C-alpha atoms as a PDB file:
ATOM      1  CA  MET A   1     -50.396 -10.523 -72.553  1.00  0.00           C
ATOM      2  CA  SER A   2     -52.405  -7.790 -70.527  1.00  0.00           C
ATOM      3  CA  THR A   3     -55.671  -9.100 -68.782  1.00  0.00           C
ATOM      4  CA  GLY A   4     -56.880  -5.775 -67.895  1.00  0.00           C
ATOM      5  CA  HIS A   5     -60.121  -6.007 -69.472  1.00  0.00           C
ATOM      6  CA  SER A   6     -60.596  -9.770 -69.195  1.00  0.00           C
ATOM      7  CA  PRO A   7     -63.268 -11.006 -67.108  1.00  0.00           C
ATOM      8  CA  LEU A   8     -61.020 -13.658 -65.639  1.00  0.00           C
ATOM      9  CA  GLU A   9     -58.753 -10.788 -64.167  1.00  0.00           C
ATOM     10  CA  GLN A  10     -60.922 -10.828 -61.034  1.00  0.00           C
ATOM     11  CA  PHE A  11     -59.536 -14.221 -60.137  1.00  0.00           C
ATOM     12  CA  GLU A  12     -55.925 -13.343 -60.455  1.00  0.00           C
ATOM     13  CA  VAL A  13     -54.149 -13.856 -57.288  1.00  0.00           C
ATOM     14  CA  LYS A  14     -51.929 -11.017 -56.288  1.00  0.00           C
ATOM     15  CA  THR A  15     -49.190 -10.880 -53.740  1.00  0.00           C
ATOM     16  CA  LEU A  16     -49.805  -8.036 -51.230  1.00  0.00           C
ATOM     17  CA  PHE A  17     -46.434  -8.193 -49.531  1.00  0.00           C
ATOM     18  CA  SER A  18     -43.783 -10.769 -49.468  1.00  0.00           C
ATOM     19  CA  LEU A  19     -42.591 -12.962 -46.517  1.00  0.00           C
ATOM     20  CA  PRO A  20     -39.567 -15.109 -46.082  1.00  0.00           C
ATOM     21  CA  GLN A  21     -39.807 -18.615 -47.517  1.00  0.00           C
ATOM     22  CA  PHE A  22     -40.801 -21.346 -45.344  1.00  0.00           C
ATOM     23  CA  ALA A  23     -39.055 -24.809 -46.050  1.00  0.00           C
ATOM     24  CA  GLY A  24     -38.699 -23.743 -49.503  1.00  0.00           C
ATOM     25  CA  MET A  25     -42.263 -22.766 -49.913  1.00  0.00           C
ATOM     26  CA  ASN A  26     -43.560 -19.487 -50.935  1.00  0.00           C
ATOM     27  CA  VAL A  27     -45.653 -18.213 -48.223  1.00  0.00           C
ATOM     28  CA  ASP A  28     -46.332 -14.562 -49.343  1.00  0.00           C
ATOM     29  CA  PHE A  29     -49.451 -12.811 -48.104  1.00  0.00           C
ATOM     30  CA  THR A  30     -51.799 -12.526 -50.990  1.00  0.00           C
ATOM     31  CA  ASN A  31     -55.331 -11.412 -51.759  1.00  0.00           C
ATOM     32  CA  ALA A  32     -56.688 -14.755 -51.160  1.00  0.00           C
ATOM     33  CA  SER A  33     -55.054 -14.704 -48.003  1.00  0.00           C
ATOM     34  CA  LEU A  34     -56.502 -11.379 -46.961  1.00  0.00           C
ATOM     35  CA  PHE A  35     -60.127 -12.295 -47.926  1.00  0.00           C
ATOM     36  CA  MET A  36     -59.776 -15.753 -45.979  1.00  0.00           C
ATOM     37  CA  LEU A  37     -58.868 -13.660 -42.956  1.00  0.00           C
ATOM     38  CA  LEU A  38     -61.659 -11.446 -43.579  1.00  0.00           C
ATOM     39  CA  ALA A  39     -64.215 -14.492 -43.873  1.00  0.00           C
ATOM     40  CA  VAL A  40     -62.905 -15.596 -40.523  1.00  0.00           C
ATOM     41  CA  GLY A  41     -63.263 -12.325 -38.882  1.00  0.00           C
ATOM     42  CA  VAL A  42     -66.688 -11.339 -40.385  1.00  0.00           C
ATOM     43  CA  ALA A  43     -68.107 -14.832 -39.176  1.00  0.00           C
ATOM     44  CA  SER A  44     -66.616 -14.428 -35.870  1.00  0.00           C
ATOM     45  CA  PHE A  45     -68.222 -10.724 -35.662  1.00  0.00           C
ATOM     46  CA  PHE A  46     -71.513 -12.063 -36.897  1.00  0.00           C
ATOM     47  CA  LEU A  47     -71.903 -14.809 -34.294  1.00  0.00           C
ATOM     48  CA  LEU A  48     -70.038 -12.827 -31.317  1.00  0.00           C
ATOM     49  CA  GLY A  49     -71.798  -9.618 -32.067  1.00  0.00           C
ATOM     50  CA  GLY A  50     -75.109 -11.352 -32.186  1.00  0.00           C
ATOM     51  CA  MET A  51     -74.870 -13.028 -28.881  1.00  0.00           C
ATOM     52  CA  ALA A  52     -73.097 -10.396 -27.082  1.00  0.00           C
ATOM     53  CA  LYS A  53     -76.314  -8.783 -25.773  1.00  0.00           C
ATOM     54  CA  ALA A  54     -78.489 -12.030 -25.783  1.00  0.00           C
ATOM     55  CA  ALA A  55     -81.961 -11.336 -24.598  1.00  0.00           C
ATOM     56  CA  LEU A  56     -85.101 -13.452 -24.005  1.00  0.00           C
ATOM     57  CA  ILE A  57     -86.824 -11.219 -26.853  1.00  0.00           C
ATOM     58  CA  PRO A  58     -83.861 -11.367 -29.610  1.00  0.00           C
ATOM     59  CA  SER A  59     -82.725  -8.491 -31.668  1.00  0.00           C
ATOM     60  CA  ARG A  60     -82.813  -8.918 -35.553  1.00  0.00           C
ATOM     61  CA  TRP A  61     -79.204  -9.792 -35.224  1.00  0.00           C
ATOM     62  CA  GLN A  62     -79.581 -12.075 -32.418  1.00  0.00           C
ATOM     63  CA  SER A  63     -82.150 -13.737 -34.336  1.00  0.00           C
ATOM     64  CA  LEU A  64     -80.352 -14.154 -37.535  1.00  0.00           C
ATOM     65  CA  ALA A  65     -77.405 -15.571 -35.696  1.00  0.00           C
ATOM     66  CA  GLU A  66     -79.504 -18.300 -33.848  1.00  0.00           C
ATOM     67  CA  LEU A  67     -81.571 -19.191 -36.843  1.00  0.00           C
ATOM     68  CA  THR A  68     -78.153 -19.857 -38.527  1.00  0.00           C
ATOM     69  CA  TYR A  69     -76.986 -22.087 -35.742  1.00  0.00           C
ATOM     70  CA  GLN A  70     -80.506 -23.876 -35.631  1.00  0.00           C
ATOM     71  CA  PHE A  71     -80.521 -24.469 -39.330  1.00  0.00           C
ATOM     72  CA  ILE A  72     -77.164 -26.305 -39.626  1.00  0.00           C
ATOM     73  CA  ALA A  73     -77.773 -28.207 -36.476  1.00  0.00           C
ATOM     74  CA  GLY A  74     -80.898 -29.299 -37.781  1.00  0.00           C
ATOM     75  CA  THR A  75     -79.335 -30.382 -41.275  1.00  0.00           C
ATOM     76  CA  VAL A  76     -76.731 -32.230 -39.107  1.00  0.00           C
ATOM     77  CA  ARG A  77     -79.493 -34.024 -37.221  1.00  0.00           C
ATOM     78  CA  ASP A  78     -81.455 -34.789 -40.227  1.00  0.00           C
ATOM     79  CA  ASN A  79     -78.736 -36.255 -42.447  1.00  0.00           C
ATOM     80  CA  VAL A  80     -76.543 -37.738 -39.770  1.00  0.00           C
ATOM     81  CA  GLY A  81     -78.608 -38.378 -36.549  1.00  0.00           C
ATOM     82  CA  LYS A  82     -77.884 -37.206 -33.089  1.00  0.00           C
ATOM     83  CA  GLU A  83     -74.512 -39.112 -33.469  1.00  0.00           C
ATOM     84  CA  GLY A  84     -73.563 -36.527 -35.907  1.00  0.00           C
ATOM     85  CA  MET A  85     -73.887 -33.536 -33.256  1.00  0.00           C
ATOM     86  CA  ALA A  86     -70.255 -34.417 -32.010  1.00  0.00           C
ATOM     87  CA  TYR A  87     -68.983 -33.012 -35.384  1.00  0.00           C
ATOM     88  CA  PHE A  88     -71.514 -30.326 -35.360  1.00  0.00           C
ATOM     89  CA  PRO A  89     -68.823 -27.416 -34.487  1.00  0.00           C
ATOM     90  CA  PHE A  90     -66.518 -28.371 -37.312  1.00  0.00           C
ATOM     91  CA  ILE A  91     -69.450 -28.496 -39.716  1.00  0.00           C
ATOM     92  CA  PHE A  92     -71.027 -25.229 -38.548  1.00  0.00           C
ATOM     93  CA  THR A  93     -67.410 -23.682 -38.854  1.00  0.00           C
ATOM     94  CA  LEU A  94     -67.077 -25.017 -42.411  1.00  0.00           C
ATOM     95  CA  PHE A  95     -70.615 -23.733 -43.553  1.00  0.00           C
ATOM     96  CA  LEU A  96     -69.721 -20.095 -41.977  1.00  0.00           C
ATOM     97  CA  PHE A  97     -66.333 -20.096 -43.625  1.00  0.00           C
ATOM     98  CA  ILE A  98     -67.620 -20.929 -47.008  1.00  0.00           C
ATOM     99  CA  LEU A  99     -70.549 -18.817 -46.783  1.00  0.00           C
ATOM    100  CA  PHE A 100     -68.666 -15.842 -45.839  1.00  0.00           C
ATOM    101  CA  CYS A 101     -66.061 -16.176 -48.426  1.00  0.00           C
ATOM    102  CA  ASN A 102     -68.608 -16.493 -51.161  1.00  0.00           C
ATOM    103  CA  LEU A 103     -70.474 -13.689 -50.075  1.00  0.00           C
ATOM    104  CA  LEU A 104     -67.529 -11.416 -49.620  1.00  0.00           C
ATOM    105  CA  GLY A 105     -66.690 -12.231 -53.330  1.00  0.00           C
ATOM    106  CA  MET A 106     -69.744 -10.523 -54.394  1.00  0.00           C
ATOM    107  CA  ILE A 107     -68.413  -6.989 -53.269  1.00  0.00           C
ATOM    108  CA  PRO A 108     -67.347  -5.236 -56.249  1.00  0.00           C
ATOM    109  CA  TYR A 109     -63.598  -4.996 -56.702  1.00  0.00           C
ATOM    110  CA  SER A 110     -63.195  -7.880 -53.885  1.00  0.00           C
ATOM    111  CA  PHE A 111     -61.912 -11.234 -54.298  1.00  0.00           C
ATOM    112  CA  THR A 112     -63.654 -14.526 -54.458  1.00  0.00           C
ATOM    113  CA  VAL A 113     -61.664 -17.216 -52.449  1.00  0.00           C
ATOM    114  CA  THR A 114     -64.009 -20.112 -53.354  1.00  0.00           C
ATOM    115  CA  SER A 115     -63.633 -19.571 -57.175  1.00  0.00           C
ATOM    116  CA  HIS A 116     -60.018 -21.198 -56.852  1.00  0.00           C
ATOM    117  CA  ILE A 117     -60.091 -24.968 -57.008  1.00  0.00           C
ATOM    118  CA  ILE A 118     -57.018 -25.021 -54.641  1.00  0.00           C
ATOM    119  CA  VAL A 119     -58.924 -23.425 -52.076  1.00  0.00           C
ATOM    120  CA  THR A 120     -61.872 -25.657 -52.379  1.00  0.00           C
ATOM    121  CA  PHE A 121     -59.978 -29.021 -52.881  1.00  0.00           C
ATOM    122  CA  ALA A 122     -58.015 -27.982 -49.496  1.00  0.00           C
ATOM    123  CA  LEU A 123     -61.496 -27.905 -47.875  1.00  0.00           C
ATOM    124  CA  ALA A 124     -62.654 -31.021 -49.638  1.00  0.00           C
ATOM    125  CA  ILE A 125     -59.666 -33.009 -48.580  1.00  0.00           C
ATOM    126  CA  VAL A 126     -59.888 -32.269 -44.940  1.00  0.00           C
ATOM    127  CA  VAL A 127     -63.583 -33.155 -45.087  1.00  0.00           C
ATOM    128  CA  PHE A 128     -62.536 -36.485 -47.019  1.00  0.00           C
ATOM    129  CA  LEU A 129     -59.625 -37.458 -44.718  1.00  0.00           C
ATOM    130  CA  GLY A 130     -61.393 -36.835 -41.574  1.00  0.00           C
ATOM    131  CA  ILE A 131     -64.328 -38.796 -42.827  1.00  0.00           C
ATOM    132  CA  THR A 132     -62.291 -41.612 -43.897  1.00  0.00           C
ATOM    133  CA  LEU A 133     -60.486 -41.909 -40.622  1.00  0.00           C
ATOM    134  CA  ILE A 134     -63.981 -41.606 -38.612  1.00  0.00           C
ATOM    135  CA  ALA A 135     -65.106 -44.387 -40.815  1.00  0.00           C
ATOM    136  CA  ILE A 136     -62.047 -46.552 -40.106  1.00  0.00           C
ATOM    137  CA  PHE A 137     -61.809 -45.901 -36.079  1.00  0.00           C
ATOM    138  CA  LYS A 138     -65.666 -46.182 -35.928  1.00  0.00           C
ATOM    139  CA  ASN A 139     -66.080 -49.526 -37.873  1.00  0.00           C
ATOM    140  CA  GLY A 140     -62.624 -50.964 -38.409  1.00  0.00           C
ATOM    141  CA  LEU A 141     -60.490 -51.331 -41.270  1.00  0.00           C
ATOM    142  CA  GLY A 142     -61.779 -54.438 -42.673  1.00  0.00           C
ATOM    143  CA  LYS A 143     -65.320 -53.260 -42.480  1.00  0.00           C
ATOM    144  CA  PHE A 144     -64.308 -50.001 -44.176  1.00  0.00           C
ATOM    145  CA  ILE A 145     -62.327 -52.052 -46.918  1.00  0.00           C
ATOM    146  CA  GLY A 146     -65.286 -54.420 -47.476  1.00  0.00           C
ATOM    147  CA  HIS A 147     -67.794 -51.481 -47.702  1.00  0.00           C
ATOM    148  CA  PHE A 148     -66.909 -50.932 -51.272  1.00  0.00           C
ATOM    149  CA  LEU A 149     -67.994 -54.449 -52.281  1.00  0.00           C
ATOM    150  CA  PRO A 150     -71.765 -54.212 -52.246  1.00  0.00           C
ATOM    151  CA  GLU A 151     -73.629 -57.236 -50.549  1.00  0.00           C
ATOM    152  CA  GLY A 152     -74.687 -60.051 -52.828  1.00  0.00           C
ATOM    153  CA  THR A 153     -72.352 -59.206 -55.843  1.00  0.00           C
ATOM    154  CA  PRO A 154     -71.626 -62.169 -57.787  1.00  0.00           C
ATOM    155  CA  TRP A 155     -67.833 -63.211 -57.447  1.00  0.00           C
ATOM    156  CA  TRP A 156     -67.028 -62.962 -61.340  1.00  0.00           C
ATOM    157  CA  LEU A 157     -68.258 -59.215 -60.980  1.00  0.00           C
ATOM    158  CA  ALA A 158     -66.633 -58.501 -57.526  1.00  0.00           C
ATOM    159  CA  PRO A 159     -63.291 -56.924 -58.957  1.00  0.00           C
ATOM    160  CA  MET A 160     -65.095 -54.862 -61.227  1.00  0.00           C
ATOM    161  CA  MET A 161     -67.495 -53.510 -58.640  1.00  0.00           C
ATOM    162  CA  TYR A 162     -64.868 -52.911 -56.002  1.00  0.00           C
ATOM    163  CA  VAL A 163     -62.948 -50.724 -58.398  1.00  0.00           C
ATOM    164  CA  ILE A 164     -65.947 -48.633 -59.196  1.00  0.00           C
ATOM    165  CA  GLU A 165     -66.981 -48.368 -55.777  1.00  0.00           C
ATOM    166  CA  LEU A 166     -63.552 -47.266 -54.686  1.00  0.00           C
ATOM    167  CA  PHE A 167     -63.039 -44.812 -57.522  1.00  0.00           C
ATOM    168  CA  SER A 168     -66.289 -43.243 -56.788  1.00  0.00           C
ATOM    169  CA  TYR A 169     -65.273 -42.802 -53.025  1.00  0.00           C
ATOM    170  CA  LEU A 170     -61.873 -41.289 -54.000  1.00  0.00           C
ATOM    171  CA  ALA A 171     -63.671 -39.124 -56.305  1.00  0.00           C
ATOM    172  CA  ARG A 172     -65.656 -37.485 -53.619  1.00  0.00           C
ATOM    173  CA  PRO A 173     -63.255 -34.556 -52.794  1.00  0.00           C
ATOM    174  CA  VAL A 174     -62.821 -33.697 -56.513  1.00  0.00           C
ATOM    175  CA  SER A 175     -66.547 -33.571 -57.193  1.00  0.00           C
ATOM    176  CA  LEU A 176     -67.042 -31.507 -53.957  1.00  0.00           C
ATOM    177  CA  SER A 177     -64.369 -29.020 -54.776  1.00  0.00           C
ATOM    178  CA  ILE A 178     -64.962 -28.509 -58.323  1.00  0.00           C
ATOM    179  CA  ARG A 179     -68.778 -28.058 -57.930  1.00  0.00           C
ATOM    180  CA  LEU A 180     -68.143 -25.037 -55.645  1.00  0.00           C
ATOM    181  CA  ALA A 181     -65.334 -23.518 -57.545  1.00  0.00           C
ATOM    182  CA  ALA A 182     -67.164 -23.957 -60.906  1.00  0.00           C
ATOM    183  CA  ASN A 183     -70.079 -22.429 -59.880  1.00  0.00           C
ATOM    184  CA  MET A 184     -68.667 -19.350 -58.206  1.00  0.00           C
ATOM    185  CA  MET A 185     -66.192 -18.641 -61.229  1.00  0.00           C
ATOM    186  CA  ALA A 186     -68.906 -19.228 -63.951  1.00  0.00           C
ATOM    187  CA  GLY A 187     -71.395 -16.590 -62.093  1.00  0.00           C
ATOM    188  CA  HIS A 188     -68.631 -14.108 -61.291  1.00  0.00           C
ATOM    189  CA  THR A 189     -67.484 -14.181 -64.893  1.00  0.00           C
ATOM    190  CA  MET A 190     -70.925 -13.644 -66.362  1.00  0.00           C
ATOM    191  CA  LEU A 191     -71.480 -10.885 -64.112  1.00  0.00           C
ATOM    192  CA  LYS A 192     -68.189  -9.347 -65.105  1.00  0.00           C
ATOM    193  CA  VAL A 193     -69.294  -9.629 -68.778  1.00  0.00           C
ATOM    194  CA  ILE A 194     -72.716  -8.223 -68.579  1.00  0.00           C
ATOM    195  CA  ALA A 195     -71.241  -5.338 -66.642  1.00  0.00           C
ATOM    196  CA  GLY A 196     -68.884  -4.704 -69.452  1.00  0.00           C
ATOM    197  CA  PHE A 197     -71.831  -4.493 -71.776  1.00  0.00           C
ATOM    198  CA  VAL A 198     -73.195  -1.843 -69.423  1.00  0.00           C
ATOM    199  CA  VAL A 199     -70.318   0.312 -69.567  1.00  0.00           C
ATOM    200  CA  MET A 200     -69.742  -0.090 -73.524  1.00  0.00           C
ATOM    201  CA  LEU A 201     -73.376   0.969 -74.164  1.00  0.00           C
ATOM    202  CA  GLY A 202     -73.739   3.416 -71.539  1.00  0.00           C
ATOM    203  CA  LEU A 203     -76.522   4.384 -69.307  1.00  0.00           C
ATOM    204  CA  LEU A 204     -79.294   5.042 -72.068  1.00  0.00           C
ATOM    205  CA  GLY A 205     -78.377   2.305 -74.149  1.00  0.00           C
ATOM    206  CA  GLY A 206     -77.358  -0.547 -71.428  1.00  0.00           C
ATOM    207  CA  TRP A 207     -80.469  -0.225 -69.609  1.00  0.00           C
ATOM    208  CA  LEU A 208     -81.410  -3.808 -70.654  1.00  0.00           C
ATOM    209  CA  PRO A 209     -78.112  -5.122 -69.495  1.00  0.00           C
ATOM    210  CA  LEU A 210     -78.353  -3.225 -66.245  1.00  0.00           C
ATOM    211  CA  ALA A 211     -81.700  -4.534 -65.300  1.00  0.00           C
ATOM    212  CA  LEU A 212     -80.276  -8.039 -66.218  1.00  0.00           C
ATOM    213  CA  LEU A 213     -77.128  -7.541 -64.054  1.00  0.00           C
ATOM    214  CA  ILE A 214     -79.146  -6.622 -61.084  1.00  0.00           C
ATOM    215  CA  GLY A 215     -81.512  -9.669 -61.401  1.00  0.00           C
ATOM    216  CA  LEU A 216     -78.426 -11.828 -61.767  1.00  0.00           C
ATOM    217  CA  THR A 217     -76.538 -10.162 -58.723  1.00  0.00           C
ATOM    218  CA  GLY A 218     -79.545 -11.281 -56.750  1.00  0.00           C
ATOM    219  CA  PHE A 219     -79.480 -14.779 -58.022  1.00  0.00           C
ATOM    220  CA  GLU A 220     -75.527 -14.884 -57.763  1.00  0.00           C
ATOM    221  CA  MET A 221     -76.295 -14.244 -53.793  1.00  0.00           C
ATOM    222  CA  ALA A 222     -78.693 -16.945 -53.622  1.00  0.00           C
ATOM    223  CA  ILE A 223     -76.119 -19.310 -55.572  1.00  0.00           C
ATOM    224  CA  ALA A 224     -73.569 -18.227 -52.958  1.00  0.00           C
ATOM    225  CA  ILE A 225     -75.708 -19.336 -50.113  1.00  0.00           C
ATOM    226  CA  LEU A 226     -77.079 -22.348 -51.823  1.00  0.00           C
ATOM    227  CA  GLN A 227     -73.308 -23.619 -52.612  1.00  0.00           C
ATOM    228  CA  ALA A 228     -72.244 -23.058 -49.020  1.00  0.00           C
ATOM    229  CA  TYR A 229     -75.245 -25.074 -47.983  1.00  0.00           C
ATOM    230  CA  ILE A 230     -74.672 -27.823 -50.643  1.00  0.00           C
ATOM    231  CA  PHE A 231     -71.089 -28.223 -49.481  1.00  0.00           C
ATOM    232  CA  THR A 232     -72.369 -28.869 -45.893  1.00  0.00           C
ATOM    233  CA  VAL A 233     -75.038 -31.096 -46.883  1.00  0.00           C
ATOM    234  CA  LEU A 234     -72.760 -33.470 -48.786  1.00  0.00           C
ATOM    235  CA  THR A 235     -70.197 -33.340 -45.879  1.00  0.00           C
ATOM    236  CA  CYS A 236     -73.169 -34.558 -43.627  1.00  0.00           C
ATOM    237  CA  VAL A 237     -74.057 -37.044 -46.178  1.00  0.00           C
ATOM    238  CA  TYR A 238     -70.476 -38.304 -46.289  1.00  0.00           C
ATOM    239  CA  LEU A 239     -70.169 -38.479 -42.247  1.00  0.00           C
ATOM    240  CA  ASN A 240     -73.476 -40.396 -42.128  1.00  0.00           C
ATOM    241  CA  ASP A 241     -71.892 -42.793 -44.555  1.00  0.00           C
ATOM    242  CA  ALA A 242     -68.873 -43.277 -42.260  1.00  0.00           C
ATOM    243  CA  LEU A 243     -70.842 -43.644 -38.910  1.00  0.00           C
ATOM    244  CA  HIS A 244     -73.676 -45.851 -40.113  1.00  0.00           C
ATOM    245  CA  MET A 245     -71.725 -47.917 -42.634  1.00  0.00           C
ATOM    246  CA  HIS A 246     -73.664 -51.138 -43.576  1.00  0.00           C
END
């Protein structure tokens, strides 16, 4: 069935050119691959370009790059403490990658990488596994396992509480990935539906949907930035739990 007029067509992964299979896996270069590379390129250009001619009195570009850096650094310090600054490069890179993936997806006829659960889950599972390893190496395996049983829990309630706490911990990458993917997909789908009304009604009859579309586009831009920040903050919170396990 053709999806030419479907608002979900924008999320379709399309092969741009084929590559030889690697270990029996399909590694074709897709539109998702392209926009992930573009996100890395734009983020690099944003930072390198902003600091290429660093001056005591910064330009607007330099100021924006420095403010972004300081904002995420402040977020790490506020949520993790000074000890968390050792992991700042990874967290800052994660924030910029998600941010520019989200923002590039706002360009008409582009592709929103973070609307796909496989991409957001891959990011979330890297965070989850990394933080789990940090928690084990920092606190020891025994303390890590014992962390899932709250202190003072009655013995008869201990098995159930342990299972609940363990399930809650294992659900972190799922909730982290679904939150980002669902927000990006829902917002872009809504924009495509309203844009369809504008086209059907024409410029004269579609002025109200057009005004709504413009307003929602600005709102969706804010959501794109906010979702990158939320993902980053939750990463910091999980890192704080790993470093300061009680």
